[in-house]
Amino acid sequence: MTEDNALFSPDFSLIHRYNKDDELASRSRPTAVTHFARGGKNLYYINASHVTDTNNPTCKTIEETIKRYKPQAIVIESVATKGFSKDTKTSETTYAYSLAKANNIDLVAGEPPDSVVLDAMMAKGYSAKDVMAFYLLRRLPQDRREGTVFDDDSFAKNAELWLNRCFPDYPGEKITVTEFKGWYDKHKVNNKSFLDIEVSDVAPDASPDAAYFQKIASDTVTIRDTHTVGKIADTMKTHDNVLVVYGGAHLTDLRPVLEQMFTHKGETIQLAPDYKKNQENKKKSLFTTVTAIAIGAVAAVAAGFAADKFLNEGRAAKKIFDTVRGWGKH
């Protein structure tokens, strides 16, 4: 290896605690690669969005990064590098996994086991049932994003399955659905049902005025970030080119540590087209077409053109307008 491995020792005290100001900034940040380099070592960090298909900037960036920079290892946002199959739901993680397998690239699981998170959270003063309840709660908006919506009965049926999957070796009693509902009612800040909880309700926020669900999320994420940056550092010691595919918020948290390890701020490289801007341009172009047809139709009447031609052009304008208006519903 070309670099003294001792240099890749992360200072965990530098991990940033994500807050609501960070959330506002991250919304406008496009998907890109942040390249850190030092002494022949290269780290490529993709601030991934959590997606459910492959036609998006995140997956396009993953694909292009692998083609262009040929990483020897990929750190993925998962507790394991096995267990994926053709039936696994598509995400940025599964896509990175499939490309790694196709290109003979080493895979590294960046997430700590749930049991490790549980122990660390209990050391912070939370009860085991606090952590289990939060795990159940944060699943709901994630599953809704992937197309699964629960009612009271289906949630109750799946809760035990989820807990057994996350904490299979926990020796004590796991939280019951009745206990979960009581926990939720105790800590909620409004009358929203737990079934309607949104990502923002359980997003990490270390601000002093953050809600309970956001604070417990923040403590959980810090434990995860500590494990993840340790995995990144270990992988850098055994590989020269490493790709990290992780949620964008984690880059905000880990950037100070990565800057410490690489002694610079990193270079941002945009590899995928700006899909959001392209979509906006398409809509503007179509609205311009609608306007032109409408003006043309009015002008046609004024000029004495046949009424049926006006009606035909009007119908075309309405059809396009209805199509554009339908986009706003998705």
Protein backbone atom coordinates (compact mmCIF):
# COMPACT_ATOMS: atom_id res chain seq x y z
CA MET A 1 0.00 0.00 0.00
CA THR A 2 1.12 3.52 -0.78
CA GLU A 3 0.08 5.31 2.43
CA ASP A 4 1.00 4.93 6.08
CA ASN A 5 -2.09 3.22 7.46
CA ALA A 6 -1.70 4.99 10.79
CA LEU A 7 -2.83 8.20 9.07
CA PHE A 8 -6.31 6.73 8.53
CA SER A 9 -7.34 6.90 12.18
CA PRO A 10 -10.61 8.80 12.55
CA ASP A 11 -11.18 11.34 15.29
CA PHE A 12 -14.71 10.34 16.32
CA SER A 13 -15.15 13.51 18.36
CA LEU A 14 -15.39 15.44 15.08
CA ILE A 15 -18.62 13.73 14.00
CA HIS A 16 -21.22 16.43 13.33
CA ARG A 17 -24.68 16.23 14.96
CA TYR A 18 -27.21 16.73 12.17
CA ASN A 19 -29.84 19.44 12.77
CA LYS A 20 -32.73 21.16 11.01
CA ASP A 21 -30.45 23.75 9.37
CA ASP A 22 -28.47 20.91 7.80
CA GLU A 23 -31.73 19.42 6.52
CA LEU A 24 -32.68 22.63 4.73
CA ALA A 25 -29.24 22.83 3.10
CA SER A 26 -29.24 19.19 2.00
CA ARG A 27 -32.52 19.53 0.10
CA SER A 28 -30.91 21.80 -2.49
CA ARG A 29 -27.70 19.78 -2.79
CA PRO A 30 -27.59 17.70 -6.01
CA THR A 31 -26.36 14.13 -6.02
CA ALA A 32 -22.63 14.14 -6.66
CA VAL A 33 -19.33 12.47 -5.78
CA THR A 34 -17.09 14.02 -3.15
CA HIS A 35 -13.51 12.94 -3.84
CA PHE A 36 -10.98 12.82 -1.01
CA ALA A 37 -7.36 11.92 -1.87
CA ARG A 38 -4.17 11.49 0.08
CA GLY A 39 -0.90 9.75 -0.70
CA GLY A 40 -2.24 7.60 -3.52
CA LYS A 41 -5.47 6.76 -1.67
CA ASN A 42 -8.84 7.84 -3.07
CA LEU A 43 -12.22 7.95 -1.39
CA TYR A 44 -15.33 8.63 -3.48
CA TYR A 45 -18.42 9.46 -1.39
CA ILE A 46 -21.83 9.60 -3.12
CA ASN A 47 -24.45 11.57 -1.17
CA ALA A 48 -27.19 9.15 -2.17
CA SER A 49 -30.93 9.71 -2.07
CA HIS A 50 -32.99 6.75 -0.92
CA VAL A 51 -34.64 5.50 -4.11
CA THR A 52 -36.91 2.68 -5.27
CA ASP A 53 -35.77 2.32 -8.89
CA THR A 54 -32.62 2.82 -10.95
CA ASN A 55 -33.68 5.72 -13.19
CA ASN A 56 -32.44 8.56 -11.00
CA PRO A 57 -29.31 10.66 -10.36
CA THR A 58 -28.17 8.47 -7.46
CA CYS A 59 -28.04 5.22 -9.42
CA LYS A 60 -26.62 6.95 -12.50
CA THR A 61 -23.87 8.44 -10.31
CA ILE A 62 -23.07 5.03 -8.79
CA GLU A 63 -22.80 3.47 -12.23
CA GLU A 64 -20.64 6.25 -13.66
CA THR A 65 -18.35 6.37 -10.62
CA ILE A 66 -17.62 2.65 -10.92
CA LYS A 67 -16.92 2.99 -14.65
CA ARG A 68 -14.70 6.03 -14.30
CA TYR A 69 -12.78 5.47 -11.05
CA LYS A 70 -12.81 1.66 -10.70
CA PRO A 71 -13.10 1.33 -6.92
CA GLN A 72 -11.69 -1.80 -5.33
CA ALA A 73 -14.27 -1.74 -2.52
CA ILE A 74 -17.74 -0.27 -1.95
CA VAL A 75 -19.06 0.61 1.49
CA ILE A 76 -22.85 0.24 1.47
CA GLU A 77 -25.53 1.38 3.92
CA SER A 78 -26.33 -2.12 5.14
CA VAL A 79 -25.64 -4.35 8.13
CA ALA A 80 -24.56 -7.19 5.84
CA THR A 81 -23.18 -7.89 2.38
CA LYS A 82 -25.24 -11.06 1.95
CA GLY A 83 -28.92 -11.85 1.79
CA PHE A 84 -29.77 -9.81 -1.30
CA SER A 85 -31.71 -11.64 -4.01
CA LYS A 86 -33.69 -10.93 -7.15
CA ASP A 87 -36.75 -10.45 -4.91
CA THR A 88 -35.07 -7.74 -2.81
CA LYS A 89 -36.66 -4.33 -3.37
CA THR A 90 -34.64 -2.01 -5.60
CA SER A 91 -32.73 0.70 -3.78
CA GLU A 92 -29.44 2.55 -4.12
CA THR A 93 -27.90 -0.09 -1.84
CA THR A 94 -29.08 -3.09 -3.85
CA TYR A 95 -28.00 -1.38 -7.07
CA ALA A 96 -24.50 -0.76 -5.71
CA TYR A 97 -24.46 -4.38 -4.50
CA SER A 98 -25.38 -5.74 -7.94
CA LEU A 99 -22.73 -3.62 -9.71
CA ALA A 100 -20.10 -4.68 -7.19
CA LYS A 101 -20.88 -8.34 -7.81
CA ALA A 102 -20.84 -7.82 -11.58
CA ASN A 103 -17.47 -6.05 -11.44
CA ASN A 104 -15.77 -8.23 -8.79
CA ILE A 105 -15.56 -5.35 -6.29
CA ASP A 106 -15.24 -6.00 -2.56
CA LEU A 107 -18.33 -5.13 -0.51
CA VAL A 108 -18.19 -3.68 3.00
CA ALA A 109 -21.23 -3.34 5.27
CA GLY A 110 -21.08 0.11 6.84
CA GLU A 111 -23.91 -0.32 9.35
CA PRO A 112 -23.57 -1.69 12.89
CA PRO A 113 -25.77 -4.64 13.92
CA ASP A 114 -28.99 -3.50 15.59
CA SER A 115 -27.86 -5.21 18.79
CA VAL A 116 -24.82 -2.93 18.90
CA VAL A 117 -27.03 0.14 18.47
CA LEU A 118 -29.33 -1.14 21.20
CA ASP A 119 -26.48 -1.59 23.69
CA ALA A 120 -25.04 1.84 22.90
CA MET A 121 -28.45 3.52 23.24
CA MET A 122 -29.04 1.83 26.59
CA ALA A 123 -25.65 3.18 27.69
CA LYS A 124 -27.02 6.66 26.86
CA GLY A 125 -29.97 6.12 29.21
CA TYR A 126 -32.68 4.87 26.88
CA SER A 127 -34.55 1.69 27.72
CA ALA A 128 -34.51 -1.28 25.37
CA LYS A 129 -38.21 -0.71 24.67
CA ASP A 130 -37.56 2.96 23.79
CA VAL A 131 -35.18 1.80 21.08
CA MET A 132 -37.50 -0.95 19.85
CA ALA A 133 -40.42 1.47 19.68
CA PHE A 134 -38.37 3.93 17.66
CA TYR A 135 -37.30 1.17 15.27
CA LEU A 136 -40.97 0.33 14.67
CA LEU A 137 -41.92 3.97 14.21
CA ARG A 138 -39.20 4.87 11.72
CA ARG A 139 -40.11 1.89 9.52
CA LEU A 140 -43.52 3.29 8.65
CA PRO A 141 -42.47 6.22 6.39
CA GLN A 142 -39.73 4.05 4.86
CA ASP A 143 -42.22 1.36 3.87
CA ARG A 144 -44.71 3.96 2.64
CA ARG A 145 -42.02 5.37 0.35
CA GLU A 146 -41.58 1.88 -1.10
CA GLY A 147 -45.32 1.47 -1.69
CA THR A 148 -46.48 -0.37 1.46
CA VAL A 149 -49.11 1.34 3.61
CA PHE A 150 -50.15 -0.22 6.92
CA ASP A 151 -53.37 -0.07 8.85
CA ASP A 152 -53.72 -0.91 12.52
CA ASP A 153 -54.13 -4.66 11.96
CA SER A 154 -51.32 -5.11 9.43
CA PHE A 155 -48.97 -3.07 11.60
CA ALA A 156 -49.69 -5.31 14.58
CA LYS A 157 -49.05 -8.42 12.49
CA ASN A 158 -45.71 -7.12 11.21
CA ALA A 159 -44.39 -5.54 14.43
CA GLU A 160 -43.33 -8.83 16.02
CA LEU A 161 -41.68 -9.94 12.77
CA TRP A 162 -39.68 -6.71 12.53
CA LEU A 163 -38.52 -6.85 16.14
CA ASN A 164 -37.46 -10.49 15.87
CA ARG A 165 -35.50 -9.65 12.74
CA CYS A 166 -33.74 -6.66 14.32
CA PHE A 167 -33.16 -8.06 17.80
CA PRO A 168 -33.17 -11.86 17.46
CA ASP A 169 -30.87 -12.46 20.43
CA TYR A 170 -32.28 -9.93 22.88
CA PRO A 171 -32.81 -11.90 26.11
CA GLY A 172 -35.54 -9.72 27.62
CA GLU A 173 -39.14 -9.05 26.69
CA LYS A 174 -39.72 -7.18 23.45
CA ILE A 175 -42.12 -4.28 23.32
CA THR A 176 -45.77 -5.12 22.60
CA VAL A 177 -48.00 -3.21 20.19
CA THR A 178 -50.03 -1.88 23.14
CA GLU A 179 -46.83 -0.65 24.82
CA PHE A 180 -45.69 0.90 21.54
CA LYS A 181 -48.92 2.87 21.21
CA GLY A 182 -48.58 4.12 24.77
CA TRP A 183 -44.96 5.15 24.11
CA TYR A 184 -46.02 6.97 20.96
CA ASP A 185 -48.86 8.82 22.70
CA LYS A 186 -46.50 9.86 25.50
CA HIS A 187 -43.95 11.44 23.18
CA LYS A 188 -45.98 12.73 20.20
CA VAL A 189 -46.21 16.49 19.70
CA ASN A 190 -49.55 16.59 17.86
CA ASN A 191 -52.63 14.46 17.17
CA LYS A 192 -51.12 12.70 14.17
CA SER A 193 -51.63 8.94 14.17
CA PHE A 194 -48.44 6.88 14.26
CA LEU A 195 -49.60 5.33 10.98
CA ASP A 196 -49.32 8.78 9.35
CA ILE A 197 -45.83 9.56 10.65
CA GLU A 198 -43.57 11.19 8.04
CA VAL A 199 -39.83 11.07 7.42
CA SER A 200 -39.40 14.57 8.87
CA ASP A 201 -41.01 13.45 12.14
CA VAL A 202 -38.29 10.85 12.74
CA ALA A 203 -35.38 12.65 11.06
CA PRO A 204 -32.32 13.26 13.26
CA ASP A 205 -32.18 16.71 14.81
CA ALA A 206 -29.72 17.68 17.53
CA SER A 207 -31.23 21.16 17.95
CA PRO A 208 -32.21 22.14 21.51
CA ASP A 209 -35.88 22.46 20.50
CA ALA A 210 -36.06 19.16 18.61
CA ALA A 211 -38.95 16.80 19.36
CA TYR A 212 -38.35 13.54 21.24
CA PHE A 213 -38.54 11.36 18.12
CA GLN A 214 -35.95 13.57 16.41
CA LYS A 215 -33.63 13.49 19.43
CA ILE A 216 -33.68 9.72 19.69
CA ALA A 217 -33.05 9.58 15.95
CA SER A 218 -30.05 11.87 16.40
CA ASP A 219 -28.54 9.69 19.11
CA THR A 220 -29.11 6.58 16.97
CA VAL A 221 -27.47 8.17 13.93
CA THR A 222 -24.40 9.26 15.89
CA ILE A 223 -23.85 5.65 16.95
CA ARG A 224 -24.24 4.53 13.35
CA ASP A 225 -21.93 7.28 12.05
CA THR A 226 -19.21 6.27 14.50
CA HIS A 227 -19.36 2.70 13.24
CA THR A 228 -19.52 3.76 9.57
CA VAL A 229 -16.51 6.07 9.59
CA GLY A 230 -14.54 3.37 11.41
CA LYS A 231 -15.41 0.95 8.61
CA ILE A 232 -14.39 3.51 5.99
CA ALA A 233 -11.03 4.05 7.72
CA ASP A 234 -10.39 0.29 7.97
CA THR A 235 -11.25 -0.17 4.30
CA MET A 236 -8.88 2.64 3.29
CA LYS A 237 -6.05 0.73 4.99
CA THR A 238 -6.52 -2.28 2.71
CA HIS A 239 -7.67 -0.63 -0.55
CA ASP A 240 -6.41 2.33 -2.58
CA ASN A 241 -9.74 3.29 -4.24
CA VAL A 242 -12.91 3.11 -2.14
CA LEU A 243 -16.49 4.11 -2.99
CA VAL A 244 -19.03 4.95 -0.29
CA VAL A 245 -22.75 4.86 -1.18
CA TYR A 246 -24.60 6.39 1.75
CA GLY A 247 -27.42 8.80 2.50
CA GLY A 248 -26.55 12.43 1.96
CA ALA A 249 -27.14 13.40 5.60
CA HIS A 250 -24.31 11.10 6.67
CA LEU A 251 -21.86 13.05 4.53
CA THR A 252 -22.75 16.17 6.50
CA ASP A 253 -22.06 14.28 9.72
CA LEU A 254 -18.86 12.57 8.55
CA ARG A 255 -17.27 15.31 6.49
CA PRO A 256 -15.27 16.81 9.40
CA VAL A 257 -13.77 13.38 10.15
CA LEU A 258 -13.01 12.67 6.49
CA GLU A 259 -11.36 16.08 6.17
CA GLN A 260 -9.25 15.21 9.21
CA MET A 261 -8.16 11.87 7.72
CA PHE A 262 -7.42 13.27 4.26
CA THR A 263 -6.33 16.75 5.41
CA HIS A 264 -8.50 18.58 2.84
CA LYS A 265 -12.14 19.36 2.15
CA GLY A 266 -12.61 17.15 -0.89
CA GLU A 267 -13.58 17.90 -4.46
CA THR A 268 -17.21 17.73 -5.58
CA ILE A 269 -17.72 16.05 -8.95
CA GLN A 270 -21.09 16.02 -10.72
CA LEU A 271 -21.44 12.88 -12.84
CA ALA A 272 -25.19 12.49 -13.35
CA PRO A 273 -27.49 14.94 -15.16
CA ASP A 274 -29.58 17.23 -13.00
CA TYR A 275 -32.88 15.38 -13.37
CA LYS A 276 -34.86 17.91 -11.36
CA LYS A 277 -33.75 20.78 -13.57
CA ASN A 278 -34.43 18.73 -16.70
CA GLN A 279 -37.97 17.97 -15.51
CA GLU A 280 -38.60 21.64 -14.78
CA ASN A 281 -37.31 22.61 -18.23
CA LYS A 282 -39.60 20.04 -19.86
CA LYS A 283 -42.60 21.42 -18.00
CA LYS A 284 -41.70 25.01 -18.97
CA SER A 285 -41.34 23.96 -22.59
CA LEU A 286 -44.71 22.22 -22.57
CA PHE A 287 -46.44 25.17 -20.94
CA THR A 288 -44.92 27.39 -23.63
CA THR A 289 -46.39 25.05 -26.27
CA VAL A 290 -49.82 25.19 -24.61
CA THR A 291 -49.70 28.97 -24.53
CA ALA A 292 -48.64 29.19 -28.18
CA ILE A 293 -51.47 26.88 -29.29
CA ALA A 294 -54.02 28.83 -27.27
CA ILE A 295 -52.86 32.17 -28.68
CA GLY A 296 -52.82 30.67 -32.16
CA ALA A 297 -56.37 29.42 -31.74
CA VAL A 298 -57.61 32.85 -30.66
CA ALA A 299 -55.75 34.49 -33.51
CA ALA A 300 -57.29 32.00 -35.89
CA VAL A 301 -60.78 32.99 -34.84
CA ALA A 302 -59.91 36.65 -35.13
CA ALA A 303 -58.65 36.05 -38.63
CA GLY A 304 -61.84 34.25 -39.60
CA PHE A 305 -60.51 30.70 -39.77
CA ALA A 306 -62.98 27.87 -39.67
CA ALA A 307 -64.49 27.12 -36.27
CA ASP A 308 -63.65 23.43 -36.45
CA LYS A 309 -59.92 24.22 -36.78
CA PHE A 310 -60.14 26.39 -33.68
CA LEU A 311 -61.87 23.60 -31.80
CA ASN A 312 -59.25 21.07 -32.85
CA GLU A 313 -56.43 23.30 -31.68
CA GLY A 314 -58.32 24.02 -28.48
CA ARG A 315 -58.72 20.32 -27.82
CA ALA A 316 -54.98 19.83 -28.37
CA ALA A 317 -54.22 22.60 -25.91
CA LYS A 318 -56.59 21.10 -23.33
CA LYS A 319 -55.05 17.63 -23.74
CA ILE A 320 -51.54 18.96 -23.15
CA PHE A 321 -52.70 21.13 -20.26
CA ASP A 322 -54.39 18.16 -18.60
CA THR A 323 -51.20 16.15 -18.98
CA VAL A 324 -49.11 18.86 -17.35
CA ARG A 325 -51.63 19.33 -14.57
CA GLY A 326 -51.50 15.60 -13.88
CA TRP A 327 -47.77 15.81 -13.18
CA GLY A 328 -48.50 17.87 -10.10
CA LYS A 329 -50.36 14.96 -8.56
CA HIS A 330 -47.32 12.67 -8.43
